Amino acid sequence: MIARRNFLLAFWIGIAFGPVEPTAAEPSATSFVEGIYAPYKDKNGNGNPLDTGAAVKRYFEPKLATLIIKDRNKAAKRGDVSTLDMDPFIDAQDWDISAFDVALRDTGADKATATVSFKNLGKPTTVVLDLVKLREGWRIADINWGRKPTLRGLFSSDSGALDFERTGRGMEARDERGPIPPSPRRRGRPR
């Protein structure tokens, strides 16, 4: 009987004083989106600069983040401007935004669509974010500005975006899958 009582006492003491891991409250999709747009309310602020790989990975799901980072690195090597030459969150380079409205809609398990409406420099603007919930939290899978292509579409080979690389044989066309073979040339007299 004493052994059982000592065991129970030790058990309850272990539970009361055992290691406790703090659990952080998981941010909702709405708070993720509001966190993106809050810095744009300050006219003299920086918004959300995507100037580092870590910044890109903070907002975008891994495959899209990789496309953005690869494109930026290729453009830097060429001394050129990257494909994403504007702020994708506001569809502009400059801003004067005093308020924004976020409407969130669940679209499936761990997926949502956020429609963000605001006036930028007096012009009504709507940006639609396709969101996906990952282990790290919510991330953007695509952005639609109401025109083609979407953010993901800017980086897809279907959009017609090709890179040209100087090789020993001259300039060679490349897409994300690698070199594109040249078209066969016609033999004979040109028409």
Foldseek 3Di string as FASTA:
>chain_A
DVVVVVVVVVVVVCVVPPDDDDDDDADDPVVLLCVQCVQQLPQPGDRQDPPDLVSLVVAAPDVLSVLQVVQCVVCVVVVHAGLCNDDLSFPHNHFHWNDKDWDWDDDDVQWIKIWIWTATPNRTFIKIFIWGQDPVGIHTHWIDRPDPDTSVRSQAVVVVDWDWDQDPVGIFTAHPVGTDDDDDDDDDDDD
